[in-house]
Amino acid sequence: MADISEPALATALSKVHSILPDAPRLEIIKCDVSKESDVEATVKHLDSWGGVDIMFNNAGIMHSDDADAIDTPEKIWDLTHNINVKGVWFGSKHAVLSMRRHEKKVGSIVNTASVVALVGSATPQLAYTASKGAVLAMTRELAIVHAKEGFRFNALCPAPLNTALLQDWLGDDAAKRHRREIHFPSGRFGEAIEQAQAVLFLASDESSFVNGTDFVVDGGMTRAYVTSQGPATQPPANFAR
């Protein structure tokens, strides 16, 4: 596992060990994905593992100062794209180089995009939205370029997830929460475990003929017009809790 935050890595490592105390091999490494040298070093660290088989490019930000075309500061645009777009580019590039170096015949790269790359929003985070659209386009092209090497590329498009970050942002503002929840046919946000299962499928050989997709995991949000009334469905158990 790689992340820019060492405390977050330590927490994640502890969480995994609490769930899988006998995990055979697990390492953490600090990595700033906006710096190619960091990404290259992280991937080369896996040479002792036999190189990369699966890469999940999941690092990203949505800055609180991200707004519309008028009010988004240029520095926020650049910061967002350095992490969300260049980070995915660097991760994809060095995954391919590792797979070639180790003469892999198959490999899977999953890049995190978002449903905001597919639908518009009247509560804009323009730099974030544009960055996720770039991830979709880049992933499609990479999928075609590397298909005959056996390297698959797919973009995960999650809807908003029930994370601590989202809940802190929504707070006790019932109207703010309702404005978003009403678009989900199930009446609830997605859970992290529901995204993780999608990534697991895309990473596995079971998805060997799935390539270049915008893999949407949104509970039907992007297919909905008017949603039904009534209580929300129950979410699945989640290891993050």
Protein backbone atom coordinates (compact mmCIF):
# COMPACT_ATOMS: atom_id res chain seq x y z
CA MET A 1 0.00 0.00 0.00
CA ALA A 2 1.23 3.48 -0.86
CA ASP A 3 0.02 6.86 0.35
CA ILE A 4 1.39 10.35 0.98
CA SER A 5 0.33 10.13 4.65
CA GLU A 6 2.42 7.87 6.84
CA PRO A 7 -0.11 7.98 9.72
CA ALA A 8 -2.85 6.90 7.29
CA LEU A 9 -0.66 4.05 6.08
CA ALA A 10 -0.01 2.92 9.64
CA THR A 11 -3.76 2.96 10.35
CA ALA A 12 -4.49 0.99 7.18
CA LEU A 13 -1.79 -1.55 7.99
CA SER A 14 -3.17 -2.04 11.48
CA LYS A 15 -6.68 -2.45 10.08
CA VAL A 16 -5.60 -5.10 7.60
CA HIS A 17 -3.69 -7.02 10.27
CA SER A 18 -6.74 -6.91 12.54
CA ILE A 19 -8.83 -8.51 9.77
CA LEU A 20 -6.13 -10.79 8.35
CA PRO A 21 -3.64 -11.44 11.17
CA ASP A 22 -1.85 -14.07 9.09
CA ALA A 23 -1.47 -11.99 5.92
CA PRO A 24 1.62 -13.51 4.25
CA ARG A 25 3.18 -10.30 2.98
CA LEU A 26 2.17 -6.69 3.31
CA GLU A 27 4.26 -3.55 3.00
CA ILE A 28 3.61 0.17 3.10
CA ILE A 29 5.53 2.95 1.41
CA LYS A 30 5.18 6.72 1.42
CA CYS A 31 4.52 8.08 -2.07
CA ASP A 32 3.53 11.47 -3.47
CA VAL A 33 1.84 10.46 -6.74
CA SER A 34 2.31 13.94 -8.20
CA LYS A 35 6.07 13.24 -8.28
CA GLU A 36 7.16 10.72 -10.89
CA SER A 37 10.31 9.86 -8.96
CA ASP A 38 8.17 8.75 -5.99
CA VAL A 39 5.93 6.61 -8.17
CA GLU A 40 8.88 5.08 -10.00
CA ALA A 41 10.60 4.20 -6.72
CA THR A 42 7.40 2.72 -5.30
CA VAL A 43 6.89 0.49 -8.32
CA LYS A 44 10.54 -0.56 -8.47
CA HIS A 45 10.28 -1.53 -4.81
CA LEU A 46 7.99 -4.32 -6.04
CA ASP A 47 10.74 -5.88 -8.17
CA SER A 48 11.52 -8.10 -5.18
CA TRP A 49 7.90 -9.29 -5.34
CA GLY A 50 8.28 -10.24 -9.00
CA GLY A 51 6.99 -6.94 -10.34
CA VAL A 52 3.52 -5.49 -10.75
CA ASP A 53 0.55 -7.69 -11.64
CA ILE A 54 -2.19 -5.31 -10.47
CA MET A 55 -2.10 -1.54 -10.01
CA PHE A 56 -4.95 0.39 -8.38
CA ASN A 57 -4.41 4.12 -8.99
CA ASN A 58 -6.78 5.46 -6.35
CA ALA A 59 -5.05 8.55 -4.92
CA GLY A 60 -6.95 11.77 -5.46
CA ILE A 61 -8.19 15.00 -3.91
CA MET A 62 -11.25 17.23 -4.06
CA HIS A 63 -10.14 20.54 -2.58
CA SER A 64 -12.49 22.70 -0.54
CA ASP A 65 -11.51 25.74 -2.67
CA ASP A 66 -12.51 23.97 -5.87
CA ALA A 67 -15.51 25.78 -7.32
CA ASP A 68 -16.75 26.85 -10.76
CA ALA A 69 -14.90 28.36 -13.73
CA ILE A 70 -15.01 31.81 -12.16
CA ASP A 71 -13.98 31.12 -8.60
CA THR A 72 -11.59 28.16 -8.76
CA PRO A 73 -8.02 29.43 -8.12
CA GLU A 74 -5.45 28.37 -10.69
CA LYS A 75 -3.27 26.87 -7.97
CA ILE A 76 -6.16 24.59 -6.94
CA TRP A 77 -6.70 23.55 -10.56
CA ASP A 78 -3.01 22.70 -10.92
CA LEU A 79 -2.82 20.88 -7.57
CA THR A 80 -5.88 18.80 -8.39
CA HIS A 81 -4.63 17.81 -11.83
CA ASN A 82 -1.12 17.09 -10.59
CA ILE A 83 -2.52 14.47 -8.23
CA ASN A 84 -5.65 13.22 -9.97
CA VAL A 85 -4.36 13.12 -13.56
CA LYS A 86 -0.57 13.09 -13.50
CA GLY A 87 -0.65 10.64 -10.60
CA VAL A 88 -2.74 8.20 -12.65
CA TRP A 89 -0.48 8.73 -15.67
CA PHE A 90 2.67 8.04 -13.62
CA GLY A 91 1.09 5.00 -11.97
CA SER A 92 -0.06 3.57 -15.29
CA LYS A 93 3.26 4.29 -16.99
CA HIS A 94 5.39 2.61 -14.37
CA ALA A 95 3.00 -0.32 -14.00
CA VAL A 96 3.44 -1.03 -17.72
CA LEU A 97 7.21 -0.67 -17.47
CA SER A 98 7.28 -3.10 -14.53
CA MET A 99 5.11 -5.62 -16.36
CA ARG A 100 7.38 -5.44 -19.39
CA ARG A 101 10.50 -5.68 -17.25
CA HIS A 102 9.21 -8.87 -15.67
CA GLU A 103 7.81 -10.23 -18.95
CA LYS A 104 4.24 -10.40 -17.71
CA LYS A 105 1.66 -11.80 -20.12
CA VAL A 106 -1.33 -10.37 -18.27
CA GLY A 107 -1.89 -7.44 -15.96
CA SER A 108 -4.70 -5.25 -14.68
CA ILE A 109 -4.63 -1.52 -13.97
CA VAL A 110 -7.66 0.09 -12.33
CA ASN A 111 -7.87 3.89 -12.31
CA THR A 112 -10.34 5.72 -10.09
CA ALA A 113 -12.50 8.21 -11.96
CA SER A 114 -15.97 9.29 -10.74
CA VAL A 115 -19.58 9.57 -11.79
CA VAL A 116 -19.01 13.33 -12.02
CA ALA A 117 -17.10 12.57 -15.23
CA LEU A 118 -20.39 11.23 -16.62
CA VAL A 119 -23.02 13.63 -15.26
CA GLY A 120 -23.06 17.34 -14.43
CA SER A 121 -23.64 18.94 -11.05
CA ALA A 122 -25.01 22.30 -9.95
CA THR A 123 -22.67 22.14 -6.94
CA PRO A 124 -19.45 22.32 -8.95
CA GLN A 125 -15.94 21.25 -8.19
CA LEU A 126 -14.72 22.03 -11.68
CA ALA A 127 -11.06 21.05 -11.29
CA TYR A 128 -12.07 17.71 -9.78
CA THR A 129 -14.68 17.04 -12.46
CA ALA A 130 -12.30 17.87 -15.29
CA SER A 131 -9.59 15.70 -13.74
CA LYS A 132 -11.89 12.70 -13.56
CA GLY A 133 -12.96 13.20 -17.18
CA ALA A 134 -9.28 13.12 -18.08
CA VAL A 135 -8.88 9.82 -16.20
CA LEU A 136 -11.70 8.28 -18.25
CA ALA A 137 -10.20 9.37 -21.57
CA MET A 138 -6.67 8.34 -20.59
CA THR A 139 -7.80 4.94 -19.34
CA ARG A 140 -9.67 4.16 -22.58
CA GLU A 141 -6.64 5.01 -24.67
CA LEU A 142 -4.26 3.01 -22.51
CA ALA A 143 -6.62 0.03 -22.73
CA ILE A 144 -6.43 0.01 -26.52
CA VAL A 145 -2.71 0.72 -26.72
CA HIS A 146 -1.71 -2.13 -24.41
CA ALA A 147 -4.44 -4.69 -25.14
CA LYS A 148 -2.24 -7.03 -27.19
CA GLU A 149 0.37 -7.03 -24.43
CA GLY A 150 -2.31 -8.51 -22.15
CA PHE A 151 -2.48 -5.40 -19.96
CA ARG A 152 -6.06 -4.32 -19.20
CA PHE A 153 -7.07 -0.82 -18.12
CA ASN A 154 -10.45 0.02 -16.60
CA ALA A 155 -11.79 3.15 -14.92
CA LEU A 156 -13.82 2.83 -11.73
CA CYS A 157 -16.63 5.40 -11.53
CA PRO A 158 -17.93 5.52 -7.96
CA ALA A 159 -20.80 7.61 -6.69
CA PRO A 160 -20.38 9.47 -3.39
CA LEU A 161 -19.44 7.07 -0.62
CA ASN A 162 -20.41 6.93 3.02
CA THR A 163 -16.98 7.82 4.37
CA ALA A 164 -15.90 9.91 7.33
CA LEU A 165 -14.78 12.60 4.88
CA LEU A 166 -18.26 12.85 3.34
CA GLN A 167 -20.08 12.72 6.66
CA ASP A 168 -17.86 15.44 8.13
CA TRP A 169 -18.58 17.58 5.08
CA LEU A 170 -22.36 17.04 5.27
CA GLY A 171 -22.46 17.48 9.03
CA ASP A 172 -25.92 18.16 10.45
CA ASP A 173 -27.16 19.95 7.34
CA ALA A 174 -30.27 17.85 6.57
CA ALA A 175 -31.13 19.79 3.40
CA LYS A 176 -27.61 19.40 2.04
CA ARG A 177 -27.71 15.67 2.73
CA HIS A 178 -31.21 15.20 1.26
CA ARG A 179 -30.28 17.07 -1.93
CA ARG A 180 -27.73 14.32 -2.65
CA GLU A 181 -29.38 11.22 -1.22
CA ILE A 182 -32.58 11.75 -3.21
CA HIS A 183 -30.77 10.90 -6.45
CA PHE A 184 -29.99 7.36 -5.29
CA PRO A 185 -32.74 4.82 -6.10
CA SER A 186 -31.75 2.94 -2.94
CA GLY A 187 -31.98 6.11 -0.86
CA ARG A 188 -28.43 5.82 0.49
CA PHE A 189 -24.81 6.51 -0.34
CA GLY A 190 -22.53 3.70 -1.42
CA GLU A 191 -20.18 1.96 0.99
CA ALA A 192 -16.43 1.58 0.54
CA ILE A 193 -16.77 -2.20 0.55
CA GLU A 194 -19.05 -2.00 -2.49
CA GLN A 195 -16.35 -0.18 -4.43
CA ALA A 196 -13.67 -2.56 -3.15
CA GLN A 197 -15.58 -5.55 -4.49
CA ALA A 198 -15.75 -3.90 -7.92
CA VAL A 199 -12.00 -3.29 -7.87
CA LEU A 200 -11.41 -6.88 -6.82
CA PHE A 201 -13.39 -8.07 -9.85
CA LEU A 202 -11.57 -5.76 -12.26
CA ALA A 203 -8.21 -6.82 -10.84
CA SER A 204 -8.98 -10.53 -11.13
CA ASP A 205 -8.75 -12.97 -14.02
CA GLU A 206 -12.56 -13.29 -13.83
CA SER A 207 -12.70 -9.95 -15.67
CA SER A 208 -10.23 -11.03 -18.37
CA PHE A 209 -12.48 -9.75 -21.20
CA VAL A 210 -13.35 -6.47 -19.46
CA ASN A 211 -11.14 -3.73 -20.87
CA GLY A 212 -11.45 0.02 -21.45
CA THR A 213 -14.69 0.33 -19.49
CA ASP A 214 -16.15 3.17 -17.46
CA PHE A 215 -17.08 0.75 -14.65
CA VAL A 216 -19.92 2.55 -12.88
CA VAL A 217 -20.70 1.58 -9.28
CA ASP A 218 -23.32 4.09 -8.24
CA GLY A 219 -26.44 2.21 -7.12
CA GLY A 220 -28.24 3.32 -10.28
CA MET A 221 -27.78 7.06 -9.64
CA THR A 222 -26.71 7.95 -13.18
CA ARG A 223 -29.69 5.98 -14.60
CA ALA A 224 -32.33 7.59 -12.40
CA TYR A 225 -34.77 10.41 -13.11
CA VAL A 226 -37.43 10.31 -10.39
CA THR A 227 -36.62 8.01 -7.48
CA SER A 228 -39.17 6.19 -5.34
CA GLN A 229 -40.28 7.25 -1.89
CA GLY A 230 -39.78 5.26 1.28
CA PRO A 231 -36.95 4.24 3.60
CA ALA A 232 -33.44 3.56 2.30
CA THR A 233 -32.09 0.07 1.84
CA GLN A 234 -29.67 -1.36 4.37
CA PRO A 235 -25.98 -1.11 3.44
CA PRO A 236 -23.67 -4.14 3.63
CA ALA A 237 -21.28 -4.65 6.52
CA ASN A 238 -18.18 -2.55 6.08
CA PHE A 239 -14.68 -3.24 7.41
CA ALA A 240 -14.04 0.51 7.52
CA ARG A 241 -16.41 0.88 10.47
